[in-house]
Amino acid sequence: MTVLKVGFVGIRTDRLDETVALFRDVLGVPVTRQTDDLVGFKLADGTVLELYGPANEFHSFFTTGPVVAFKVDIFDAARRAMLAAGVKFIGDVQHADGGSWQHFYGPDGTVLEIIGKGQTRGHRDKPSQQQTS
């Protein structure tokens, strides 16, 4: 398994409009998607940056600061190694466009994530997908 790069950064903010303006208007990062409580950007190297407003319940667990996702070469191998090491994952593995990702807690409780090429939707690991350390 190889960690290739940071592939995602997610920031929860109670000042969504001002934060969007910083990235869009000041730094010139193009917006790739937008809802009432989520604005997505794509950096020049392909890294995804998403900003979440306080009404965004799906990312309510982003409480430890920016969430960084580490892009790995083989998602399933990285996840298996992490499970074997006792890493606690959050929720289920998510899938889209041939990629998989899942959030986890670092040793200090920081929310982090791994992303990479992985199994298709419907694949279930044993033991259950949410682990406890």
C-alpha atoms as a PDB file:
ATOM      1  CA  MET A   1       0.000   0.000   0.000  1.00  0.00           C
ATOM      2  CA  THR A   2       1.205   3.493  -0.827  1.00  0.00           C
ATOM      3  CA  VAL A   3      -0.144   6.870   0.271  1.00  0.00           C
ATOM      4  CA  LEU A   4      -0.003   8.900  -2.934  1.00  0.00           C
ATOM      5  CA  LYS A   5      -1.072  12.396  -1.845  1.00  0.00           C
ATOM      6  CA  VAL A   6      -3.677  14.418  -0.021  1.00  0.00           C
ATOM      7  CA  GLY A   7      -6.725  13.927  -2.235  1.00  0.00           C
ATOM      8  CA  PHE A   8      -9.443  15.747  -0.289  1.00  0.00           C
ATOM      9  CA  VAL A   9      -9.850  18.473   2.308  1.00  0.00           C
ATOM     10  CA  GLY A  10     -13.180  19.150   4.009  1.00  0.00           C
ATOM     11  CA  ILE A  11     -13.808  22.198   6.180  1.00  0.00           C
ATOM     12  CA  ARG A  12     -16.905  22.763   8.306  1.00  0.00           C
ATOM     13  CA  THR A  13     -17.475  26.463   8.978  1.00  0.00           C
ATOM     14  CA  ASP A  14     -20.110  28.686  10.544  1.00  0.00           C
ATOM     15  CA  ARG A  15     -19.054  31.417   8.066  1.00  0.00           C
ATOM     16  CA  LEU A  16     -19.717  29.584   4.809  1.00  0.00           C
ATOM     17  CA  ASP A  17     -20.267  32.632   2.587  1.00  0.00           C
ATOM     18  CA  GLU A  18     -17.049  34.337   3.661  1.00  0.00           C
ATOM     19  CA  THR A  19     -15.042  31.112   3.352  1.00  0.00           C
ATOM     20  CA  VAL A  20     -16.438  30.451  -0.120  1.00  0.00           C
ATOM     21  CA  ALA A  21     -15.529  34.008  -1.126  1.00  0.00           C
ATOM     22  CA  LEU A  22     -11.944  33.467   0.067  1.00  0.00           C
ATOM     23  CA  PHE A  23     -11.412  30.374  -2.057  1.00  0.00           C
ATOM     24  CA  ARG A  24     -13.520  31.429  -5.066  1.00  0.00           C
ATOM     25  CA  ASP A  25     -12.943  35.176  -5.320  1.00  0.00           C
ATOM     26  CA  VAL A  26      -9.560  35.750  -3.677  1.00  0.00           C
ATOM     27  CA  LEU A  27      -7.707  32.514  -4.488  1.00  0.00           C
ATOM     28  CA  GLY A  28      -9.544  31.836  -7.759  1.00  0.00           C
ATOM     29  CA  VAL A  29     -10.404  28.185  -7.087  1.00  0.00           C
ATOM     30  CA  PRO A  30     -13.253  27.070  -9.395  1.00  0.00           C
ATOM     31  CA  VAL A  31     -16.531  25.937  -7.833  1.00  0.00           C
ATOM     32  CA  THR A  32     -17.513  22.444  -9.032  1.00  0.00           C
ATOM     33  CA  ARG A  33     -20.757  21.964  -7.095  1.00  0.00           C
ATOM     34  CA  GLN A  34     -22.955  23.937  -4.746  1.00  0.00           C
ATOM     35  CA  THR A  35     -26.001  23.409  -2.532  1.00  0.00           C
ATOM     36  CA  ASP A  36     -27.409  25.541   0.266  1.00  0.00           C
ATOM     37  CA  ASP A  37     -24.925  24.123   2.797  1.00  0.00           C
ATOM     38  CA  LEU A  38     -22.056  22.677   0.712  1.00  0.00           C
ATOM     39  CA  VAL A  39     -19.682  24.207  -1.819  1.00  0.00           C
ATOM     40  CA  GLY A  40     -17.171  22.034  -3.656  1.00  0.00           C
ATOM     41  CA  PHE A  41     -13.992  23.155  -5.396  1.00  0.00           C
ATOM     42  CA  LYS A  42     -11.293  21.382  -7.417  1.00  0.00           C
ATOM     43  CA  LEU A  43      -7.688  22.478  -7.019  1.00  0.00           C
ATOM     44  CA  ALA A  44      -5.328  22.512 -10.007  1.00  0.00           C
ATOM     45  CA  ASP A  45      -3.802  19.133  -9.054  1.00  0.00           C
ATOM     46  CA  GLY A  46      -7.259  17.515  -8.833  1.00  0.00           C
ATOM     47  CA  THR A  47      -7.581  17.665  -5.056  1.00  0.00           C
ATOM     48  CA  VAL A  48     -11.184  18.160  -3.952  1.00  0.00           C
ATOM     49  CA  LEU A  49     -11.926  20.882  -1.385  1.00  0.00           C
ATOM     50  CA  GLU A  50     -15.390  20.970   0.162  1.00  0.00           C
ATOM     51  CA  LEU A  51     -16.813  23.561   2.549  1.00  0.00           C
ATOM     52  CA  TYR A  52     -19.789  22.690   4.759  1.00  0.00           C
ATOM     53  CA  GLY A  53     -22.091  25.143   6.481  1.00  0.00           C
ATOM     54  CA  PRO A  54     -23.597  24.612   9.943  1.00  0.00           C
ATOM     55  CA  ALA A  55     -26.841  23.201   8.466  1.00  0.00           C
ATOM     56  CA  ASN A  56     -24.981  20.353   6.746  1.00  0.00           C
ATOM     57  CA  GLU A  57     -25.903  17.403   8.969  1.00  0.00           C
ATOM     58  CA  PHE A  58     -24.184  14.729   6.862  1.00  0.00           C
ATOM     59  CA  HIS A  59     -20.748  16.125   7.808  1.00  0.00           C
ATOM     60  CA  SER A  60     -21.643  17.040  11.401  1.00  0.00           C
ATOM     61  CA  PHE A  61     -18.849  14.785  12.677  1.00  0.00           C
ATOM     62  CA  PHE A  62     -16.248  17.139  11.132  1.00  0.00           C
ATOM     63  CA  THR A  63     -15.551  18.652  14.548  1.00  0.00           C
ATOM     64  CA  THR A  64     -11.761  18.395  14.840  1.00  0.00           C
ATOM     65  CA  GLY A  65     -10.784  20.966  12.218  1.00  0.00           C
ATOM     66  CA  PRO A  66     -10.204  20.427   8.519  1.00  0.00           C
ATOM     67  CA  VAL A  67     -10.615  16.782   7.507  1.00  0.00           C
ATOM     68  CA  VAL A  68      -7.814  15.565   5.271  1.00  0.00           C
ATOM     69  CA  ALA A  69      -8.167  12.495   3.053  1.00  0.00           C
ATOM     70  CA  PHE A  70      -5.098  10.523   2.135  1.00  0.00           C
ATOM     71  CA  LYS A  71      -5.254   9.053  -1.365  1.00  0.00           C
ATOM     72  CA  VAL A  72      -3.967   5.473  -1.355  1.00  0.00           C
ATOM     73  CA  ASP A  73      -3.177   3.244  -4.308  1.00  0.00           C
ATOM     74  CA  ILE A  74      -5.484   0.384  -3.240  1.00  0.00           C
ATOM     75  CA  PHE A  75      -8.296   1.393  -0.898  1.00  0.00           C
ATOM     76  CA  ASP A  76      -9.311  -2.130   0.164  1.00  0.00           C
ATOM     77  CA  ALA A  77      -5.750  -3.151   1.098  1.00  0.00           C
ATOM     78  CA  ALA A  78      -5.231   0.041   3.104  1.00  0.00           C
ATOM     79  CA  ARG A  79      -8.554  -0.405   4.904  1.00  0.00           C
ATOM     80  CA  ARG A  80      -7.816  -4.050   5.755  1.00  0.00           C
ATOM     81  CA  ALA A  81      -4.412  -3.093   7.207  1.00  0.00           C
ATOM     82  CA  MET A  82      -6.007  -0.309   9.230  1.00  0.00           C
ATOM     83  CA  LEU A  83      -8.742  -2.620  10.549  1.00  0.00           C
ATOM     84  CA  ALA A  84      -6.087  -5.137  11.565  1.00  0.00           C
ATOM     85  CA  ALA A  85      -4.299  -2.352  13.455  1.00  0.00           C
ATOM     86  CA  GLY A  86      -7.493  -1.489  15.366  1.00  0.00           C
ATOM     87  CA  VAL A  87      -8.371   1.763  13.579  1.00  0.00           C
ATOM     88  CA  LYS A  88     -11.952   2.915  14.283  1.00  0.00           C
ATOM     89  CA  PHE A  89     -13.838   3.795  11.090  1.00  0.00           C
ATOM     90  CA  ILE A  90     -16.843   6.132  10.926  1.00  0.00           C
ATOM     91  CA  GLY A  91     -19.956   4.939   9.104  1.00  0.00           C
ATOM     92  CA  ASP A  92     -19.874   2.835   5.969  1.00  0.00           C
ATOM     93  CA  VAL A  93     -17.511   2.781   3.013  1.00  0.00           C
ATOM     94  CA  GLN A  94     -18.799   5.141   0.318  1.00  0.00           C
ATOM     95  CA  HIS A  95     -18.373   4.555  -3.426  1.00  0.00           C
ATOM     96  CA  ALA A  96     -18.613   6.607  -6.629  1.00  0.00           C
ATOM     97  CA  ASP A  97     -17.007   6.481 -10.064  1.00  0.00           C
ATOM     98  CA  GLY A  98     -14.748   3.511  -9.276  1.00  0.00           C
ATOM     99  CA  GLY A  99     -13.449   5.067  -6.072  1.00  0.00           C
ATOM    100  CA  SER A 100     -14.069   4.316  -2.416  1.00  0.00           C
ATOM    101  CA  TRP A 101     -13.588   6.393   0.724  1.00  0.00           C
ATOM    102  CA  GLN A 102     -14.198   6.179   4.440  1.00  0.00           C
ATOM    103  CA  HIS A 103     -13.544   8.431   7.413  1.00  0.00           C
ATOM    104  CA  PHE A 104     -11.701   7.226  10.493  1.00  0.00           C
ATOM    105  CA  TYR A 105     -10.374   8.499  13.816  1.00  0.00           C
ATOM    106  CA  GLY A 106      -6.648   9.079  14.212  1.00  0.00           C
ATOM    107  CA  PRO A 107      -5.018   8.064  17.500  1.00  0.00           C
ATOM    108  CA  ASP A 108      -5.734  11.513  18.979  1.00  0.00           C
ATOM    109  CA  GLY A 109      -9.385  11.551  17.836  1.00  0.00           C
ATOM    110  CA  THR A 110      -8.797  13.679  14.735  1.00  0.00           C
ATOM    111  CA  VAL A 111     -11.209  12.797  11.927  1.00  0.00           C
ATOM    112  CA  LEU A 112      -9.287  11.698   8.817  1.00  0.00           C
ATOM    113  CA  GLU A 113     -10.133   9.766   5.652  1.00  0.00           C
ATOM    114  CA  ILE A 114      -8.680   7.349   3.116  1.00  0.00           C
ATOM    115  CA  ILE A 115      -9.683   7.387  -0.561  1.00  0.00           C
ATOM    116  CA  GLY A 116      -8.683   5.313  -3.557  1.00  0.00           C
ATOM    117  CA  LYS A 117      -9.691   2.682  -6.080  1.00  0.00           C
ATOM    118  CA  GLY A 118     -11.802   0.097  -4.320  1.00  0.00           C
ATOM    119  CA  GLN A 119     -14.547  -2.503  -4.425  1.00  0.00           C
ATOM    120  CA  THR A 120     -17.911  -1.649  -5.902  1.00  0.00           C
ATOM    121  CA  ARG A 121     -20.971  -0.749  -3.884  1.00  0.00           C
ATOM    122  CA  GLY A 122     -22.523  -3.657  -2.028  1.00  0.00           C
ATOM    123  CA  HIS A 123     -19.207  -5.206  -0.952  1.00  0.00           C
ATOM    124  CA  ARG A 124     -19.253  -5.908   2.769  1.00  0.00           C
ATOM    125  CA  ASP A 125     -16.192  -6.723   4.843  1.00  0.00           C
ATOM    126  CA  LYS A 126     -16.365  -9.031   7.838  1.00  0.00           C
ATOM    127  CA  PRO A 127     -16.304  -7.992  10.663  1.00  0.00           C
ATOM    128  CA  SER A 128     -18.812  -5.164  10.383  1.00  0.00           C
ATOM    129  CA  GLN A 129     -17.865  -1.934   8.643  1.00  0.00           C
ATOM    130  CA  GLN A 130     -17.888   0.200  11.785  1.00  0.00           C
ATOM    131  CA  GLN A 131     -15.086  -0.941  14.042  1.00  0.00           C
ATOM    132  CA  THR A 132     -14.185  -0.120  17.583  1.00  0.00           C
ATOM    133  CA  SER A 133     -10.654   0.048  18.879  1.00  0.00           C
END
